[in-house]
Protein backbone atom coordinates (compact mmCIF):
# COMPACT_ATOMS: atom_id res chain seq x y z
CA UNK A 1 195.69 136.22 322.01
CA UNK A 2 193.75 134.18 324.64
CA UNK A 3 192.68 130.19 323.35
CA UNK A 4 189.28 129.16 323.86
CA UNK A 5 189.24 126.23 321.60
CA UNK A 6 185.15 126.80 321.85
CA UNK A 7 185.84 129.88 319.66
CA UNK A 8 186.92 127.98 317.02
CA UNK A 9 183.61 126.67 316.03
CA UNK A 10 182.69 129.88 315.75
CA UNK A 11 185.66 131.00 313.81
CA UNK A 12 185.14 128.03 311.44
CA UNK A 13 181.20 129.33 311.03
CA UNK A 14 182.31 132.45 310.32
CA UNK A 15 184.81 131.52 307.58
CA UNK A 16 182.97 129.03 306.22
CA UNK A 17 179.43 129.11 306.94
CA UNK A 18 177.93 127.18 304.41
CA UNK A 19 180.69 124.20 304.30
CA UNK A 20 179.22 120.76 305.07
CA UNK A 21 180.13 120.57 308.75
CA UNK A 22 178.64 117.16 309.35
CA UNK A 23 176.86 114.01 307.54
CA UNK A 24 175.20 111.43 309.45
CA UNK A 25 174.07 108.38 307.46
CA UNK A 26 172.40 107.06 310.52
CA UNK A 27 170.13 109.72 311.74
CA UNK A 28 168.07 109.85 307.80
CA UNK A 29 171.26 111.28 306.36
CA UNK A 30 171.46 114.72 308.14
CA UNK A 31 173.53 117.28 306.88
CA UNK A 32 175.06 120.08 309.13
CA UNK A 33 176.92 122.96 307.75
CA UNK A 34 179.23 125.16 310.19
CA UNK A 35 176.97 128.02 310.77
CA UNK A 36 173.89 126.02 311.95
CA UNK A 37 176.40 123.38 313.98
CA UNK A 38 178.02 126.42 315.76
CA UNK A 39 173.98 127.97 316.55
CA UNK A 40 173.60 124.26 318.07
CA UNK A 41 176.79 124.33 320.22
CA UNK A 42 175.62 128.00 321.00
CA UNK A 43 172.17 126.64 322.39
CA UNK A 44 173.17 124.20 324.32
CA UNK A 45 176.49 126.30 325.96
CA UNK A 46 173.61 128.86 327.17
CA UNK A 47 171.70 126.03 328.22
CA UNK A 48 174.18 125.07 330.95
CA UNK A 49 174.98 128.34 331.79
CA UNK A 50 171.24 128.67 332.95
CA UNK A 51 171.40 125.44 334.60
CA UNK A 52 174.72 127.05 336.86
CA UNK A 53 177.56 125.53 335.04
CA UNK A 54 180.80 127.14 336.01
CA UNK A 55 184.27 127.60 334.50
CA UNK A 56 186.20 124.53 335.56
CA UNK A 57 182.47 122.44 336.25
CA UNK A 58 183.07 118.87 334.74
CA UNK A 59 180.14 117.84 332.28
CA UNK A 60 179.83 114.25 331.37
CA UNK A 61 179.34 112.86 327.99
CA UNK A 62 177.69 109.66 327.62
CA UNK A 63 176.98 109.61 323.99
CA UNK A 64 177.32 107.63 320.73
CA UNK A 65 179.13 109.43 317.99
CA UNK A 66 176.95 112.05 316.37
CA UNK A 67 176.61 115.76 315.77
CA UNK A 68 174.90 116.16 319.11
CA UNK A 69 178.32 114.70 320.69
CA UNK A 70 180.29 117.31 318.68
CA UNK A 71 177.93 120.57 319.36
CA UNK A 72 177.98 119.32 323.12
CA UNK A 73 181.58 119.15 323.59
CA UNK A 74 182.49 122.25 321.87
CA UNK A 75 179.73 123.63 324.07
CA UNK A 76 181.08 123.08 327.18
CA UNK A 77 184.34 124.20 325.96
CA UNK A 78 183.01 128.03 325.03
CA UNK A 79 181.98 128.09 328.91
CA UNK A 80 185.29 127.17 330.16
CA UNK A 81 183.53 123.85 331.94
CA UNK A 82 185.45 120.68 331.16
CA UNK A 83 184.52 118.21 329.05
CA UNK A 84 184.45 114.48 330.42
CA UNK A 85 184.01 111.83 327.18
CA UNK A 86 182.56 108.91 328.60
CA UNK A 87 183.32 104.81 327.28
CA UNK A 88 179.79 103.72 326.84
CA UNK A 89 180.81 100.47 326.85
CA UNK A 90 181.24 100.62 330.47
CA UNK A 91 179.06 98.99 333.17
CA UNK A 92 177.32 101.56 335.71
CA UNK A 93 179.98 100.33 338.81
CA UNK A 94 182.51 102.03 336.21
CA UNK A 95 181.14 104.29 335.30
CA UNK A 96 180.51 105.37 338.63
CA UNK A 97 183.75 105.72 339.56
CA UNK A 98 184.53 107.86 336.73
CA UNK A 99 181.77 110.60 337.21
CA UNK A 100 182.65 110.65 341.10
CA UNK A 101 186.53 110.59 340.42
CA UNK A 102 186.04 113.66 338.32
CA UNK A 103 183.28 114.77 340.08
CA UNK A 104 180.71 115.55 337.25
CA UNK A 105 177.74 117.76 337.82
CA UNK A 106 176.22 117.41 334.32
CA UNK A 107 175.76 113.97 332.57
CA UNK A 108 174.12 114.41 329.11
CA UNK A 109 173.25 110.67 327.94
CA UNK A 110 171.83 108.98 325.03
CA UNK A 111 168.84 107.16 325.23
CA UNK A 112 170.63 103.52 324.43
CA UNK A 113 172.24 104.25 327.67
CA UNK A 114 169.22 105.14 329.78
CA UNK A 115 169.14 101.70 331.95
CA UNK A 116 172.76 102.83 333.05
CA UNK A 117 171.73 106.60 333.91
CA UNK A 118 169.02 105.25 335.62
CA UNK A 119 171.28 102.81 337.86
CA UNK A 120 173.78 105.55 338.30
CA UNK A 121 170.51 108.61 339.28
CA UNK A 122 169.38 105.63 341.73
CA UNK A 123 173.19 105.74 343.47
CA UNK A 124 172.72 109.52 342.95
CA UNK A 125 174.23 110.42 346.69
CA UNK A 126 177.30 108.91 345.83
CA UNK A 127 178.04 111.00 342.56
CA UNK A 128 178.08 115.06 342.36
CA UNK A 129 175.68 114.85 339.40
CA UNK A 130 172.62 117.47 339.64
CA UNK A 131 171.75 117.57 336.11
CA UNK A 132 171.20 115.03 333.47
CA UNK A 133 170.14 115.42 329.79
CA UNK A 134 168.76 112.59 327.70
CA UNK A 135 168.89 112.56 324.05
CA UNK A 136 166.22 110.25 322.52
CA UNK A 137 163.78 107.94 323.46
CA UNK A 138 160.97 108.46 326.32
CA UNK A 139 162.90 111.02 328.66
CA UNK A 140 163.39 109.48 331.58
CA UNK A 141 161.62 111.29 335.12
CA UNK A 142 164.58 112.48 336.53
CA UNK A 143 166.17 113.93 333.15
CA UNK A 144 165.81 116.85 330.69
CA UNK A 145 164.86 116.20 327.01
CA UNK A 146 168.19 117.16 325.17
CA UNK A 147 166.46 118.88 322.10
CA UNK A 148 164.00 121.28 323.76
CA UNK A 149 166.35 121.77 326.46
CA UNK A 150 169.07 123.02 323.89
CA UNK A 151 166.44 124.72 321.41
CA UNK A 152 164.69 126.35 324.51
CA UNK A 153 168.09 128.66 324.95
CA UNK A 154 169.34 131.56 322.75
CA UNK A 155 171.38 130.74 319.80
CA UNK A 156 174.16 133.87 320.48
CA UNK A 157 177.13 133.75 321.15
CA UNK A 158 178.05 133.22 325.12
CA UNK A 159 180.77 135.04 326.45
CA UNK A 160 183.64 133.22 326.47
CA UNK A 161 185.57 131.69 329.61
CA UNK A 162 188.18 128.93 330.16
CA UNK A 163 191.66 130.06 328.15
CA UNK A 164 194.85 128.51 327.49
CA UNK A 165 196.36 126.00 330.21
CA UNK A 166 192.48 125.85 331.82
CA UNK A 167 191.08 122.23 331.24
CA UNK A 168 189.50 121.54 328.20
CA UNK A 169 188.97 117.72 328.73
CA UNK A 170 189.93 114.65 330.98
CA UNK A 171 189.58 111.94 329.18
CA UNK A 172 189.89 108.26 331.10
CA UNK A 173 192.15 105.86 330.14
CA UNK A 174 191.32 102.17 329.21
CA UNK A 175 192.05 101.14 332.35
CA UNK A 176 193.42 97.73 331.06
CA UNK A 177 195.49 97.81 334.62
CA UNK A 178 194.16 98.89 337.55
CA UNK A 179 191.43 101.60 337.91
CA UNK A 180 191.71 104.43 335.23
CA UNK A 181 193.37 107.84 335.27
CA UNK A 182 192.32 110.87 333.91
CA UNK A 183 194.30 112.46 331.44
CA UNK A 184 194.01 116.81 331.44
CA UNK A 185 194.20 118.38 328.38
CA UNK A 186 193.59 121.82 328.08
CA UNK A 187 192.92 124.58 325.59
CA UNK A 188 196.84 125.43 324.54
CA UNK A 189 197.57 121.22 324.34
CA UNK A 190 194.84 120.52 322.04
CA UNK A 191 195.64 123.51 320.01
CA UNK A 192 199.00 122.64 319.86
CA UNK A 193 197.82 118.93 318.91
CA UNK A 194 195.83 120.47 315.91
CA UNK A 195 198.80 122.67 314.93
CA UNK A 196 201.46 119.56 314.73
CA UNK A 197 198.88 117.55 312.64
CA UNK A 198 197.80 120.07 310.55
CA UNK A 199 201.44 120.52 309.77
CA UNK A 200 202.34 116.86 309.17
CA UNK A 201 199.23 115.14 308.06
CA UNK A 202 197.66 115.63 304.50
CA UNK A 203 194.40 117.16 305.78
CA UNK A 204 192.90 120.43 305.02
CA UNK A 205 190.04 122.46 304.11
CA UNK A 206 187.43 120.56 302.23
CA UNK A 207 188.32 117.17 303.12
CA UNK A 208 186.22 114.52 304.09
CA UNK A 209 186.98 112.49 306.75
CA UNK A 210 185.20 109.29 307.73
CA UNK A 211 184.67 109.27 311.82
CA UNK A 212 184.32 105.25 312.80
CA UNK A 213 186.08 104.90 316.19
CA UNK A 214 183.85 106.36 319.23
CA UNK A 215 184.29 109.79 320.14
CA UNK A 216 184.90 109.19 323.53
CA UNK A 217 188.57 108.04 322.49
CA UNK A 218 191.69 110.18 321.34
CA UNK A 219 191.83 108.64 317.81
CA UNK A 220 188.58 110.03 316.97
CA UNK A 221 188.41 113.19 318.77
CA UNK A 222 191.77 114.68 317.99
CA UNK A 223 190.55 114.63 314.31
CA UNK A 224 187.45 115.37 314.78
CA UNK A 225 188.43 118.62 316.07
CA UNK A 226 190.77 118.29 313.76
CA UNK A 227 188.78 118.75 311.08
CA UNK A 228 186.51 121.58 312.66
CA UNK A 229 190.11 123.69 312.91
CA UNK A 230 191.07 122.90 309.58
CA UNK A 231 187.47 123.40 307.88
CA UNK A 232 186.98 119.84 306.54
CA UNK A 233 183.68 117.53 306.63
CA UNK A 234 182.77 114.57 309.28
CA UNK A 235 181.20 111.50 307.96
CA UNK A 236 180.28 110.05 311.39
CA UNK A 237 179.22 106.53 312.10
CA UNK A 238 177.58 105.79 314.90
CA UNK A 239 179.32 102.47 315.52
CA UNK A 240 181.79 101.21 313.30
CA UNK A 241 180.31 98.72 310.17
CA UNK A 242 183.03 97.50 307.73
CA UNK A 243 180.31 97.43 304.23
CA UNK A 244 178.85 100.62 305.00
CA UNK A 245 182.30 102.48 305.19
CA UNK A 246 183.17 100.52 301.37
CA UNK A 247 180.05 102.74 300.69
CA UNK A 248 180.21 106.21 302.14
CA UNK A 249 184.19 106.12 300.83
CA UNK A 250 182.16 105.63 297.67
CA UNK A 251 178.86 107.67 297.62
CA UNK A 252 180.62 110.88 300.47
CA UNK A 253 183.93 110.98 298.61
CA UNK A 254 185.61 110.34 301.32
CA UNK A 255 189.23 111.65 301.28
CA UNK A 256 190.49 110.04 304.71
CA UNK A 257 189.79 108.32 307.52
CA UNK A 258 191.22 106.81 310.69
CA UNK A 259 190.83 102.74 311.46
CA UNK A 260 192.49 100.53 313.85
CA UNK A 261 194.23 97.46 312.36
CA UNK A 262 191.19 95.30 313.33
CA UNK A 263 189.01 96.94 311.36
CA UNK A 264 190.95 97.81 308.14
CA UNK A 265 190.97 93.12 308.56
CA UNK A 266 187.04 93.36 308.74
CA UNK A 267 186.84 95.52 305.88
CA UNK A 268 189.17 93.55 303.25
CA UNK A 269 186.81 90.98 304.11
CA UNK A 270 184.30 92.46 302.80
CA UNK A 271 185.53 94.85 299.68
CA UNK A 272 183.94 94.33 296.57
CA UNK A 273 186.08 95.87 294.18
CA UNK A 274 183.22 96.12 291.67
CA UNK A 275 181.13 97.78 294.21
CA UNK A 276 183.21 99.96 296.17
CA UNK A 277 185.18 102.58 294.27
CA UNK A 278 187.67 104.18 296.28
CA UNK A 279 189.50 106.78 293.84
CA UNK A 280 188.57 109.74 296.54
CA UNK A 281 190.46 108.04 299.39
CA UNK A 282 194.02 109.72 299.27
CA UNK A 283 194.93 107.75 302.48
CA UNK A 284 194.16 106.23 305.55
CA UNK A 285 195.60 106.30 309.19
CA UNK A 286 195.69 103.66 311.31
CA UNK A 287 196.98 103.25 314.67
CA UNK A 288 196.38 101.99 318.33
CA UNK A 289 198.37 98.62 317.70
CA UNK A 290 201.30 97.45 315.10
CA UNK A 291 199.48 97.43 311.40
CA UNK A 292 200.89 93.78 310.02
CA UNK A 293 202.86 94.42 307.14
CA UNK A 294 200.76 91.95 305.23
CA UNK A 295 197.98 94.26 305.65
CA UNK A 296 199.38 97.47 304.62
CA UNK A 297 200.43 95.60 301.66
CA UNK A 298 197.31 94.38 301.10
CA UNK A 299 195.71 97.41 300.96
CA UNK A 300 198.64 99.20 298.51
CA UNK A 301 197.25 96.44 296.16
CA UNK A 302 193.84 97.94 296.61
CA UNK A 303 195.85 101.83 295.98
CA UNK A 304 195.07 102.93 299.51
CA UNK A 305 197.98 103.87 301.41
CA UNK A 306 197.83 102.97 305.41
CA UNK A 307 199.72 105.77 307.05
CA UNK A 308 200.68 104.08 310.58
CA UNK A 309 200.59 106.88 313.19
CA UNK A 310 201.36 106.63 316.63
CA UNK A 311 200.41 108.52 319.77
CA UNK A 312 198.69 108.26 323.42
CA UNK A 313 195.39 109.60 324.58
CA UNK A 314 198.29 111.69 327.13
CA UNK A 315 200.25 113.12 324.24
CA UNK A 316 196.88 114.10 322.43
CA UNK A 317 197.31 112.09 319.84
CA UNK A 318 200.36 112.98 317.82
CA UNK A 319 203.69 111.19 318.12
CA UNK A 320 204.97 109.75 314.63
CA UNK A 321 203.34 109.58 311.49
CA UNK A 322 204.39 107.74 308.48
CA UNK A 323 204.02 109.89 305.52
CA UNK A 324 203.03 108.63 301.64
CA UNK A 325 206.28 107.80 299.97
CA UNK A 326 207.40 106.19 302.80
CA UNK A 327 204.79 103.91 304.04
CA UNK A 328 205.37 100.97 301.51
CA UNK A 329 209.11 101.08 301.31
CA UNK A 330 209.25 101.21 305.21
CA UNK A 331 206.26 99.20 306.05
CA UNK A 332 206.27 98.52 309.81
CA UNK A 333 207.70 101.24 310.94
CA UNK A 334 205.26 104.08 312.41
CA UNK A 335 207.75 107.17 310.44
CA UNK A 336 208.79 110.41 311.81
CA UNK A 337 208.17 112.24 314.98
CA UNK A 338 205.08 114.68 314.02
CA UNK A 339 206.18 118.93 313.30
CA UNK A 340 206.00 119.83 316.88
CA UNK A 341 207.20 116.71 318.74
CA UNK A 342 210.11 115.01 319.62
CA UNK A 343 210.68 111.48 320.04
CA UNK A 344 213.58 109.21 321.92
CA UNK A 345 214.09 105.48 322.93
CA UNK A 346 216.13 104.84 325.99
CA UNK A 347 217.84 102.12 327.40
CA UNK A 348 217.18 101.26 331.07
CA UNK A 349 220.07 103.40 332.32
CA UNK A 350 218.33 106.62 330.80
CA UNK A 351 220.38 107.30 327.52
CA UNK A 352 219.56 107.39 324.08
CA UNK A 353 219.65 104.09 322.31
CA UNK A 354 221.70 103.08 319.07
CA UNK A 355 220.18 103.03 316.05
CA UNK A 356 217.85 99.95 316.01
CA UNK A 357 218.28 99.41 319.67
CA UNK A 358 214.95 98.66 321.39
CA UNK A 359 214.38 100.83 323.99
CA UNK A 360 211.12 102.84 326.23
CA UNK A 361 209.66 105.72 323.26
CA UNK A 362 209.32 108.83 325.23
CA UNK A 363 207.63 111.88 323.36
CA UNK A 364 207.92 115.42 323.96
CA UNK A 365 205.65 117.95 323.03
CA UNK A 366 203.39 121.37 323.67
CA UNK A 367 200.35 118.89 323.04
CA UNK A 368 201.39 116.58 326.09
CA UNK A 369 198.73 115.97 328.48
CA UNK A 370 199.33 118.32 332.04
CA UNK A 371 199.19 115.44 334.00
CA UNK A 372 196.35 112.97 335.16
CA UNK A 373 193.84 114.10 337.44
CA UNK A 374 194.10 114.23 340.88
CA UNK A 375 196.93 111.80 340.95
CA UNK A 376 200.46 113.12 341.34
CA UNK A 377 201.92 110.36 341.87
CA UNK A 378 201.25 109.04 338.26
CA UNK A 379 201.98 112.13 337.05
CA UNK A 380 205.17 112.26 338.32
CA UNK A 381 206.49 108.56 336.62
CA UNK A 382 204.82 109.54 333.43
CA UNK A 383 205.89 112.81 332.74
CA UNK A 384 209.72 113.69 333.72
CA UNK A 385 212.20 116.68 332.56
CA UNK A 386 209.62 117.32 329.99
CA UNK A 387 209.50 113.79 328.35
CA UNK A 388 206.08 111.72 328.38
CA UNK A 389 207.20 107.89 329.05
CA UNK A 390 205.20 105.92 327.33
CA UNK A 391 205.68 103.10 328.47
CA UNK A 392 206.52 101.41 324.91
CA UNK A 393 209.33 99.19 323.54
CA UNK A 394 210.31 100.75 320.16
CA UNK A 395 213.22 101.02 318.03
CA UNK A 396 214.55 104.22 315.92
CA UNK A 397 217.21 103.85 313.10
CA UNK A 398 219.53 106.59 312.30
CA UNK A 399 216.95 108.35 309.96
CA UNK A 400 214.44 109.00 312.48
CA UNK A 401 212.24 106.35 311.89
CA UNK A 402 210.47 104.45 314.33
CA UNK A 403 209.27 101.10 314.96
CA UNK A 404 207.01 99.92 317.60
CA UNK A 405 207.65 96.56 318.99
CA UNK A 406 205.20 96.21 322.14
CA UNK A 407 204.01 97.52 325.33
CA UNK A 408 206.79 96.85 327.77
CA UNK A 409 204.51 94.88 329.94
CA UNK A 410 203.52 92.90 327.03
CA UNK A 411 206.94 91.62 326.69
CA UNK A 412 208.12 88.30 327.59
CA UNK A 413 211.50 86.44 327.88
CA UNK A 414 212.12 83.35 326.47
CA UNK A 415 215.64 81.62 327.63
CA UNK A 416 216.90 85.34 328.56
CA UNK A 417 215.45 86.54 325.24
CA UNK A 418 213.13 89.22 324.55
CA UNK A 419 210.41 88.49 323.00
CA UNK A 420 208.03 91.09 321.36
CA UNK A 421 204.37 90.04 320.95
CA UNK A 422 203.12 92.18 318.08
CA UNK A 423 206.23 91.01 315.84
CA UNK A 424 205.13 87.51 316.45
CA UNK A 425 201.30 88.29 315.66
CA UNK A 426 202.11 90.35 312.84
CA UNK A 427 203.98 86.95 311.52
CA UNK A 428 200.94 84.88 312.26
CA UNK A 429 198.56 86.81 310.36
CA UNK A 430 200.44 86.14 307.26
CA UNK A 431 198.72 82.73 307.46
CA UNK A 432 195.80 82.79 305.02
CA UNK A 433 193.56 81.03 307.27
CA UNK A 434 194.10 83.42 310.01
CA UNK A 435 191.63 86.49 311.20
CA UNK A 436 193.09 87.64 314.20
CA UNK A 437 195.93 86.82 316.42
CA UNK A 438 197.24 87.45 319.93
CA UNK A 439 199.84 86.03 321.43
CA UNK A 440 201.27 85.86 325.61
CA UNK A 441 203.54 84.89 327.48
CA UNK A 442 203.10 80.85 329.18
CA UNK A 443 205.20 80.06 331.93
CA UNK A 444 207.66 77.28 331.20
CA UNK A 445 209.91 75.43 333.61
CA UNK A 446 212.37 75.58 331.54
CA UNK A 447 212.95 78.48 329.35
CA UNK A 448 210.80 80.85 332.03
CA UNK A 449 208.28 82.00 329.33
CA UNK A 450 207.58 80.95 325.73
CA UNK A 451 204.69 82.33 323.79
CA UNK A 452 201.48 80.91 323.56
CA UNK A 453 199.40 82.21 320.61
CA UNK A 454 195.91 82.62 320.54
CA UNK A 455 194.10 82.90 316.80
CA UNK A 456 190.84 83.33 315.19
CA UNK A 457 189.97 81.46 312.04
CA UNK A 458 188.79 83.19 309.09
CA UNK A 459 184.85 82.16 308.47
CA UNK A 460 185.48 78.79 306.64
CA UNK A 461 188.63 78.01 307.03
CA UNK A 462 190.11 75.25 309.31
CA UNK A 463 192.88 74.33 310.87
CA UNK A 464 194.69 72.25 313.51
CA UNK A 465 196.99 73.87 315.82
CA UNK A 466 199.54 71.48 315.38
CA UNK A 467 199.50 72.52 311.58
CA UNK A 468 199.85 76.82 312.71
CA UNK A 469 203.18 75.26 314.70
CA UNK A 470 204.66 73.79 311.64
CA UNK A 471 203.72 76.54 309.98
CA UNK A 472 205.47 79.04 311.96
CA UNK A 473 208.98 77.09 311.68
CA UNK A 474 211.55 79.50 310.07
CA UNK A 475 209.53 82.60 309.73
CA UNK A 476 210.98 83.82 313.04
CA UNK A 477 214.00 82.99 315.28
CA UNK A 478 212.97 79.79 317.36
CA UNK A 479 213.06 81.25 320.71
CA UNK A 480 210.69 83.70 319.20
CA UNK A 481 208.05 80.96 317.64
CA UNK A 482 204.91 80.23 319.63
CA UNK A 483 205.16 76.84 321.30
CA UNK A 484 201.27 76.79 322.20
CA UNK A 485 198.26 77.66 320.01
CA UNK A 486 195.05 77.80 321.07
CA UNK A 487 191.81 78.70 318.07
CA UNK A 488 188.83 80.43 319.53
CA UNK A 489 186.01 82.24 318.19
CA UNK A 490 186.96 86.28 319.55
CA UNK A 491 190.24 88.10 320.48
CA UNK A 492 188.76 90.57 323.12
CA UNK A 493 189.95 94.44 322.90
CA UNK A 494 189.07 97.49 323.97
CA UNK A 495 187.03 100.27 322.00
CA UNK A 496 189.91 101.41 320.39
CA UNK A 497 191.02 97.91 319.20
CA UNK A 498 193.92 97.41 321.41
CA UNK A 499 194.20 93.67 322.54
CA UNK A 500 193.06 93.21 326.10
CA UNK A 501 196.35 90.88 327.28
CA UNK A 502 194.69 90.97 330.89
CA UNK A 503 192.09 89.42 329.92
CA UNK A 504 193.84 86.56 328.12
CA UNK A 505 195.83 86.03 330.62
CA UNK A 506 193.20 85.71 332.72
CA UNK A 507 191.55 83.00 330.42
CA UNK A 508 194.43 81.44 329.45
CA UNK A 509 197.34 80.86 332.08
CA UNK A 510 196.55 78.05 334.40
CA UNK A 511 194.34 76.63 332.06
CA UNK A 512 197.54 76.04 329.78
CA UNK A 513 200.54 74.48 330.25
CA UNK A 514 203.61 75.01 328.47
CA UNK A 515 205.82 71.46 326.83
CA UNK A 516 208.15 70.58 328.95
């Protein structure tokens, strides 16, 4: 059987035609069943074909979360074209780079991004875009209106194209260091991601999954595709709202969700136990950064299991997952490798580390990326002998449980000792006055580097920087403790919740001095 991921929506619509596929509170509570979602995807596919889109052509999606994103993604897959989800937080210059690098010929965009689209269209000679489609708002003169464009086409199943190792999507990394790279995934790599997800996580037919992360990120796209594959309902938020999330968990009987640690912090701050019934919620995955142990325990006190997950865009999501029975007893670990996944931790000499010895985390599995788009040099660095080199520092114990320490590039060395900022951040978040924390290395003439703590206070709380440093004493080895602290209003993060350490370094290095 040839694998075309777009056909999985057709099969789900055939098997479960009346099952709710999507629920959208922001669109008047609109509910689409799988039969309706598939018919809409067919219309988009046939409209794209009528516009001359061929197998292998790249179709860029500058779209907020919603059914239109889902139907367009599957439509592109059905006809063998290649999806290019775009980070809608980027400015025109950044978007232009990705569109040009990918060679996209079609851009489907939300009206919220009409100004960026107009600027890109003005620069049209620099990209290969020849078709513009706008969802909502007053349609720009250079674009087709999405709904009439879609609905004028037939809802008949298009002849499928694009199979197996043909590209399904190119997802650009966040570009926190240097220019973003396009991660290539095929119909086969994504199917294997679905298989290992369904064989490992407790997600199944009839579940109701709350989707809050943006769909241009693998942490949202892989679960969304998994819900179609398995027959679960997606309750979709256009953008994260902590209070509304609790209300939807209660009203829509949400069974599972995925939140990054920062989102869990925001939700914890606004929960009303008397108003927010969470009995339907079996678990919440959390990833993108190590989950503070105190946060895992706080949610356990609410009766909610936090399943820490580890993976990358390059692995299509799966890496490691901790399951319910271990979520508390091994709080802080991200669990064992997924079912169809192998994980190693290696030292600088390339050999496997001893149990609990830090090293680089490697992932192997049929869901790993094909490589980086037009970047054979970067591909050769990341994929070696079948293993994906993640650039993350972790440890593995004798039973195969992995704990992620930090990014290799974020590790600092103080007095010859390795300091992992995530460990220090975890400690800092135990302070009752802190809402968020980040740690970067500060040059020190005496120690090489020392830890600088950048923290955000909870509303209504006060704390002197010296008081925070005094509170830290005795909680970690002295060489790990922050020697300087700064209180800020907000810590910069990318859309997946990862702290933008580069931005912090630019803001503080040269402005703050380490103590003598």
